């Protein structure tokens, strides 16, 4: 079982390193991790890489990803000095854009799920 997880992790790390190699050879203003994930996406679309080969590790990472972002964001908003740095208009724009992004994502997923017929009854 561990070998499967390690193999899946090596596939994802391989695409990350491939992205870094492309950025070194072709100087484009896109992060290497984004290029690596786009390449992985293309390989998944074409069937050269099967979803089962990376599904468990990527699901694990996605499930635990918020743990990396919650503490710094919570500290930022709890700090009283944030209001001195940002003006109120910027804070309103940040809050409205965050809520809009969350709602847009939720509605898109709901639409997609209902279209695919997977919506819970």
N, C-alpha and C. Protein backbone atom coordinates (compact mmCIF):
# COMPACT_ATOMS: atom_id res chain seq x y z
N UNK A 1 0.83 -1.20 0.00
CA UNK A 1 0.00 0.00 0.00
C UNK A 1 0.87 1.26 0.00
N UNK A 2 1.94 1.26 0.79
CA UNK A 2 2.83 2.42 0.82
C UNK A 2 3.50 2.64 -0.53
N UNK A 3 3.80 1.57 -1.22
CA UNK A 3 4.45 1.72 -2.52
C UNK A 3 3.52 2.45 -3.48
N UNK A 4 2.24 2.15 -3.41
CA UNK A 4 1.28 2.86 -4.26
C UNK A 4 1.30 4.36 -3.97
N UNK A 5 1.27 4.71 -2.66
CA UNK A 5 1.28 6.12 -2.29
C UNK A 5 2.57 6.79 -2.74
N UNK A 6 3.68 6.12 -2.55
CA UNK A 6 4.96 6.69 -2.96
C UNK A 6 5.02 6.86 -4.47
N UNK A 7 4.53 5.88 -5.22
CA UNK A 7 4.51 5.97 -6.68
C UNK A 7 3.67 7.15 -7.13
N UNK A 8 2.50 7.33 -6.51
CA UNK A 8 1.64 8.46 -6.86
C UNK A 8 2.31 9.79 -6.52
N UNK A 9 2.96 9.83 -5.38
CA UNK A 9 3.66 11.05 -5.00
C UNK A 9 4.80 11.36 -5.96
N UNK A 10 5.52 10.33 -6.39
CA UNK A 10 6.62 10.54 -7.34
C UNK A 10 6.11 11.03 -8.69
N UNK A 11 4.93 10.60 -9.11
CA UNK A 11 4.36 11.10 -10.36
C UNK A 11 4.09 12.60 -10.25
N UNK A 12 3.47 13.01 -9.15
CA UNK A 12 3.16 14.44 -8.97
C UNK A 12 4.44 15.26 -8.85
N UNK A 13 5.40 14.77 -8.08
CA UNK A 13 6.68 15.47 -7.95
C UNK A 13 7.41 15.51 -9.29
N UNK A 14 7.30 14.45 -10.08
CA UNK A 14 7.92 14.43 -11.40
C UNK A 14 7.37 15.52 -12.31
N UNK A 15 6.05 15.73 -12.27
CA UNK A 15 5.47 16.80 -13.08
C UNK A 15 5.88 18.17 -12.56
N UNK A 16 6.03 18.31 -11.25
CA UNK A 16 6.52 19.56 -10.69
C UNK A 16 7.93 19.85 -11.18
N UNK A 17 8.79 18.84 -11.14
CA UNK A 17 10.17 19.01 -11.62
C UNK A 17 10.21 19.27 -13.12
N UNK A 18 9.31 18.64 -13.87
CA UNK A 18 9.22 18.89 -15.30
C UNK A 18 8.84 20.35 -15.56
N UNK A 19 7.93 20.88 -14.74
CA UNK A 19 7.56 22.29 -14.84
C UNK A 19 8.75 23.20 -14.56
N UNK A 20 9.54 22.86 -13.54
CA UNK A 20 10.74 23.65 -13.24
C UNK A 20 11.74 23.58 -14.41
N UNK A 21 11.88 22.42 -15.00
CA UNK A 21 12.78 22.29 -16.14
C UNK A 21 12.33 23.15 -17.32
N UNK A 22 11.04 23.18 -17.57
CA UNK A 22 10.52 23.98 -18.68
C UNK A 22 10.74 25.47 -18.41
N UNK A 23 10.53 25.90 -17.17
CA UNK A 23 10.74 27.33 -16.84
C UNK A 23 12.20 27.71 -16.99
N UNK A 24 13.10 26.80 -16.66
CA UNK A 24 14.54 27.09 -16.81
C UNK A 24 14.91 27.20 -18.29
N UNK A 25 14.39 26.29 -19.11
CA UNK A 25 14.74 26.28 -20.53
C UNK A 25 14.04 27.39 -21.29
N UNK A 26 12.73 27.55 -21.03
CA UNK A 26 11.93 28.57 -21.71
C UNK A 26 11.52 29.61 -20.66
N UNK A 27 12.15 30.76 -20.64
CA UNK A 27 11.84 31.74 -19.60
C UNK A 27 10.48 32.40 -19.83
N UNK A 28 9.45 31.82 -19.25
CA UNK A 28 8.10 32.39 -19.34
C UNK A 28 7.67 32.83 -17.95
N UNK A 29 6.86 33.87 -17.86
CA UNK A 29 6.49 34.41 -16.54
C UNK A 29 5.34 33.65 -15.89
N UNK A 30 5.44 32.33 -15.84
CA UNK A 30 4.43 31.49 -15.20
C UNK A 30 5.17 30.62 -14.18
N UNK A 31 4.60 30.47 -12.98
CA UNK A 31 5.27 29.63 -11.99
C UNK A 31 5.43 28.19 -12.48
N UNK A 32 6.52 27.58 -12.11
CA UNK A 32 6.82 26.22 -12.55
C UNK A 32 5.78 25.23 -12.04
N UNK A 33 5.26 25.45 -10.85
CA UNK A 33 4.26 24.53 -10.31
C UNK A 33 2.98 24.56 -11.14
N UNK A 34 2.63 25.74 -11.65
CA UNK A 34 1.44 25.85 -12.50
C UNK A 34 1.66 25.11 -13.82
N UNK A 35 2.83 25.26 -14.39
CA UNK A 35 3.14 24.55 -15.64
C UNK A 35 3.13 23.04 -15.40
N UNK A 36 3.69 22.60 -14.30
CA UNK A 36 3.68 21.18 -13.99
C UNK A 36 2.27 20.63 -13.83
N UNK A 37 1.41 21.37 -13.14
CA UNK A 37 0.04 20.90 -12.96
C UNK A 37 -0.75 20.95 -14.26
N UNK A 38 -0.46 21.94 -15.12
CA UNK A 38 -1.11 21.97 -16.44
C UNK A 38 -0.68 20.77 -17.29
N UNK A 39 0.59 20.42 -17.21
CA UNK A 39 1.06 19.24 -17.93
C UNK A 39 0.42 17.96 -17.39
N UNK A 40 0.30 17.87 -16.07
CA UNK A 40 -0.37 16.71 -15.47
C UNK A 40 -1.82 16.66 -15.93
N UNK A 41 -2.49 17.80 -15.97
CA UNK A 41 -3.87 17.86 -16.44
C UNK A 41 -3.98 17.40 -17.89
N UNK A 42 -3.06 17.85 -18.74
CA UNK A 42 -3.07 17.42 -20.14
C UNK A 42 -2.83 15.92 -20.28
N UNK A 43 -1.92 15.40 -19.48
CA UNK A 43 -1.65 13.96 -19.52
C UNK A 43 -2.86 13.17 -19.02
N UNK A 44 -3.58 13.71 -18.05
CA UNK A 44 -4.79 13.05 -17.58
C UNK A 44 -5.89 13.09 -18.64
N UNK A 45 -6.01 14.23 -19.32
CA UNK A 45 -7.02 14.35 -20.38
C UNK A 45 -6.76 13.41 -21.54
N UNK A 46 -5.51 13.27 -21.91
CA UNK A 46 -5.18 12.42 -23.06
C UNK A 46 -5.15 10.94 -22.69
N UNK A 47 -5.16 10.62 -21.40
CA UNK A 47 -5.15 9.23 -20.98
C UNK A 47 -3.76 8.64 -20.84
N UNK A 48 -2.73 9.46 -21.02
CA UNK A 48 -1.37 8.95 -20.86
C UNK A 48 -1.08 8.63 -19.39
N UNK A 49 -1.75 9.33 -18.50
CA UNK A 49 -1.69 9.05 -17.06
C UNK A 49 -3.11 8.73 -16.64
N UNK A 50 -3.28 7.64 -15.93
CA UNK A 50 -4.60 7.26 -15.43
C UNK A 50 -4.88 8.01 -14.12
N UNK A 51 -6.14 8.37 -13.91
CA UNK A 51 -6.53 9.09 -12.71
C UNK A 51 -6.21 8.28 -11.45
N UNK A 52 -6.35 6.97 -11.54
CA UNK A 52 -6.08 6.12 -10.37
C UNK A 52 -4.62 6.20 -9.94
N UNK A 53 -3.74 6.60 -10.84
CA UNK A 53 -2.32 6.68 -10.53
C UNK A 53 -1.98 7.83 -9.58
N UNK A 54 -2.83 8.85 -9.53
CA UNK A 54 -2.54 10.02 -8.69
C UNK A 54 -3.71 10.40 -7.78
N UNK A 55 -4.78 9.65 -7.81
CA UNK A 55 -6.01 10.05 -7.13
C UNK A 55 -5.88 10.06 -5.61
N UNK A 56 -5.30 9.05 -5.02
CA UNK A 56 -5.24 8.96 -3.55
C UNK A 56 -4.36 10.06 -2.95
N UNK A 57 -3.20 10.26 -3.52
CA UNK A 57 -2.29 11.28 -2.97
C UNK A 57 -2.85 12.68 -3.18
N UNK A 58 -3.41 12.94 -4.35
CA UNK A 58 -3.95 14.28 -4.59
C UNK A 58 -5.17 14.55 -3.72
N UNK A 59 -6.01 13.55 -3.48
CA UNK A 59 -7.15 13.73 -2.57
C UNK A 59 -6.67 14.02 -1.15
N UNK A 60 -5.64 13.32 -0.74
CA UNK A 60 -5.07 13.56 0.59
C UNK A 60 -4.55 14.98 0.71
N UNK A 61 -3.84 15.45 -0.31
CA UNK A 61 -3.30 16.81 -0.28
C UNK A 61 -4.40 17.85 -0.30
N UNK A 62 -5.42 17.65 -1.11
CA UNK A 62 -6.51 18.62 -1.18
C UNK A 62 -7.30 18.67 0.13
N UNK A 63 -7.42 17.52 0.79
CA UNK A 63 -8.16 17.48 2.04
C UNK A 63 -7.42 18.24 3.14
N UNK A 64 -6.11 18.23 3.11
CA UNK A 64 -5.33 18.87 4.17
C UNK A 64 -4.77 20.24 3.79
N UNK A 65 -5.03 20.70 2.58
CA UNK A 65 -4.51 21.99 2.13
C UNK A 65 -4.98 23.18 2.96
N UNK A 66 -6.24 23.23 3.39
CA UNK A 66 -6.65 24.39 4.20
C UNK A 66 -5.87 24.55 5.49
N UNK A 67 -5.32 23.48 6.01
CA UNK A 67 -4.53 23.58 7.24
C UNK A 67 -3.31 24.49 7.06
N UNK A 68 -2.83 24.61 5.83
CA UNK A 68 -1.68 25.47 5.57
C UNK A 68 -2.05 26.94 5.50
N UNK A 69 -3.32 27.24 5.18
CA UNK A 69 -3.72 28.62 4.96
C UNK A 69 -4.49 29.23 6.11
N UNK A 70 -5.16 28.44 6.91
CA UNK A 70 -6.00 28.99 7.98
C UNK A 70 -5.20 29.75 9.03
N UNK A 71 -4.11 29.21 9.59
CA UNK A 71 -3.41 29.96 10.66
C UNK A 71 -2.89 31.34 10.24
N UNK A 72 -2.22 31.48 9.09
CA UNK A 72 -1.75 32.84 8.76
C UNK A 72 -2.89 33.82 8.48
N UNK A 73 -3.96 33.35 7.86
CA UNK A 73 -5.08 34.24 7.56
C UNK A 73 -5.80 34.63 8.84
N UNK A 74 -5.99 33.67 9.75
CA UNK A 74 -6.64 33.98 11.02
C UNK A 74 -5.80 34.97 11.82
N UNK A 75 -4.51 34.78 11.85
CA UNK A 75 -3.63 35.70 12.56
C UNK A 75 -3.69 37.09 11.95
N UNK A 76 -3.76 37.15 10.64
CA UNK A 76 -3.83 38.44 9.96
C UNK A 76 -5.09 39.20 10.33
N UNK A 77 -6.22 38.50 10.38
CA UNK A 77 -7.48 39.18 10.67
C UNK A 77 -7.68 39.43 12.17
N UNK A 78 -7.08 38.62 13.02
CA UNK A 78 -7.20 38.85 14.46
C UNK A 78 -6.36 40.05 14.88
N UNK A 79 -5.26 40.26 14.19
CA UNK A 79 -4.38 41.36 14.51
C UNK A 79 -5.10 42.69 14.33
N UNK A 80 -4.99 43.56 15.31
CA UNK A 80 -5.65 44.86 15.23
C UNK A 80 -4.90 45.82 14.30
N UNK A 81 -3.66 45.51 14.00
CA UNK A 81 -2.88 46.40 13.14
C UNK A 81 -3.29 46.29 11.68
N UNK A 82 -4.10 45.30 11.33
CA UNK A 82 -4.53 45.15 9.94
C UNK A 82 -5.34 46.37 9.48
N UNK A 83 -6.10 46.94 10.41
CA UNK A 83 -6.93 48.08 10.05
C UNK A 83 -6.11 49.35 9.85
N UNK A 84 -4.91 49.37 10.44
CA UNK A 84 -4.03 50.51 10.23
C UNK A 84 -3.34 50.42 8.87
N UNK A 85 -3.04 49.18 8.45
CA UNK A 85 -2.34 48.97 7.18
C UNK A 85 -3.30 49.15 6.01
N UNK A 86 -4.44 48.48 6.09
CA UNK A 86 -5.42 48.55 5.01
C UNK A 86 -6.45 49.62 5.30
N UNK A 87 -6.90 50.25 4.27
CA UNK A 87 -7.99 51.20 4.43
C UNK A 87 -9.30 50.42 4.36
N UNK A 88 -10.37 51.02 4.83
CA UNK A 88 -11.66 50.32 4.87
C UNK A 88 -12.14 49.94 3.48
N UNK A 89 -11.91 50.77 2.49
CA UNK A 89 -12.40 50.44 1.15
C UNK A 89 -11.72 49.19 0.61
N UNK A 90 -10.44 49.03 0.92
CA UNK A 90 -9.73 47.83 0.49
C UNK A 90 -10.28 46.61 1.21
N UNK A 91 -10.57 46.75 2.52
CA UNK A 91 -11.13 45.63 3.28
C UNK A 91 -12.49 45.22 2.71
N UNK A 92 -13.31 46.18 2.34
CA UNK A 92 -14.63 45.87 1.78
C UNK A 92 -14.46 45.13 0.45
N UNK A 93 -13.57 45.60 -0.38
CA UNK A 93 -13.33 44.94 -1.66
C UNK A 93 -12.83 43.51 -1.45
N UNK A 94 -11.93 43.32 -0.50
CA UNK A 94 -11.42 41.97 -0.20
C UNK A 94 -12.54 41.05 0.28
N UNK A 95 -13.40 41.55 1.15
CA UNK A 95 -14.49 40.72 1.68
C UNK A 95 -15.51 40.40 0.59
N UNK A 96 -15.89 41.39 -0.20
CA UNK A 96 -16.87 41.15 -1.27
C UNK A 96 -16.31 40.19 -2.31
N UNK A 97 -15.04 40.35 -2.67
CA UNK A 97 -14.46 39.45 -3.66
C UNK A 97 -14.32 38.03 -3.11
N UNK A 98 -14.02 37.89 -1.84
CA UNK A 98 -13.92 36.55 -1.23
C UNK A 98 -15.28 35.86 -1.23
N UNK A 99 -16.31 36.57 -0.81
CA UNK A 99 -17.66 35.99 -0.80
C UNK A 99 -18.11 35.67 -2.22
N UNK A 100 -17.81 36.54 -3.16
CA UNK A 100 -18.18 36.29 -4.56
C UNK A 100 -17.49 35.05 -5.10
N UNK A 101 -16.25 34.88 -4.78
CA UNK A 101 -15.50 33.71 -5.22
C UNK A 101 -16.08 32.43 -4.63
N UNK A 102 -16.38 32.46 -3.33
CA UNK A 102 -16.98 31.29 -2.68
C UNK A 102 -18.34 30.95 -3.28
N UNK A 103 -19.17 31.96 -3.47
CA UNK A 103 -20.49 31.72 -4.06
C UNK A 103 -20.39 31.23 -5.51
N UNK A 104 -19.50 31.83 -6.26
CA UNK A 104 -19.32 31.40 -7.65
C UNK A 104 -18.86 29.95 -7.74
N UNK A 105 -17.94 29.57 -6.87
CA UNK A 105 -17.48 28.19 -6.85
C UNK A 105 -18.60 27.24 -6.45
N UNK A 106 -19.34 27.60 -5.40
CA UNK A 106 -20.43 26.75 -4.93
C UNK A 106 -21.51 26.58 -6.00
N UNK A 107 -21.89 27.66 -6.64
CA UNK A 107 -22.93 27.57 -7.67
C UNK A 107 -22.46 26.79 -8.89
N UNK A 108 -21.20 26.95 -9.25
CA UNK A 108 -20.66 26.19 -10.38
C UNK A 108 -20.63 24.70 -10.08
N UNK A 109 -20.20 24.34 -8.89
CA UNK A 109 -20.18 22.92 -8.51
C UNK A 109 -21.59 22.36 -8.46
N UNK A 110 -22.54 23.12 -7.91
CA UNK A 110 -23.92 22.68 -7.87
C UNK A 110 -24.48 22.47 -9.27
N UNK A 111 -24.22 23.41 -10.17
CA UNK A 111 -24.68 23.30 -11.55
C UNK A 111 -24.07 22.07 -12.22
N UNK A 112 -22.77 21.87 -12.02
CA UNK A 112 -22.07 20.74 -12.63
C UNK A 112 -22.62 19.42 -12.11
N UNK A 113 -22.82 19.33 -10.81
CA UNK A 113 -23.33 18.10 -10.22
C UNK A 113 -24.74 17.80 -10.69
N UNK A 114 -25.59 18.82 -10.80
CA UNK A 114 -26.96 18.58 -11.26
C UNK A 114 -26.97 18.19 -12.74
N UNK A 115 -26.05 18.75 -13.50
CA UNK A 115 -25.97 18.41 -14.92
C UNK A 115 -25.50 16.97 -15.13
N UNK A 116 -24.59 16.53 -14.31
CA UNK A 116 -24.08 15.16 -14.41
C UNK A 116 -25.03 14.15 -13.79
N UNK A 117 -26.06 14.62 -13.08
CA UNK A 117 -27.02 13.71 -12.48
C UNK A 117 -26.55 13.07 -11.20
N UNK A 118 -25.55 13.65 -10.58
CA UNK A 118 -25.00 13.08 -9.36
C UNK A 118 -25.55 13.76 -8.11
N UNK A 119 -26.44 14.70 -8.26
CA UNK A 119 -26.92 15.45 -7.11
C UNK A 119 -27.68 14.52 -6.16
N UNK A 120 -27.42 14.66 -4.88
CA UNK A 120 -28.08 13.82 -3.88
C UNK A 120 -29.57 14.12 -3.84
N UNK A 121 -30.33 13.06 -3.67
CA UNK A 121 -31.80 13.23 -3.66
C UNK A 121 -32.30 13.43 -2.26
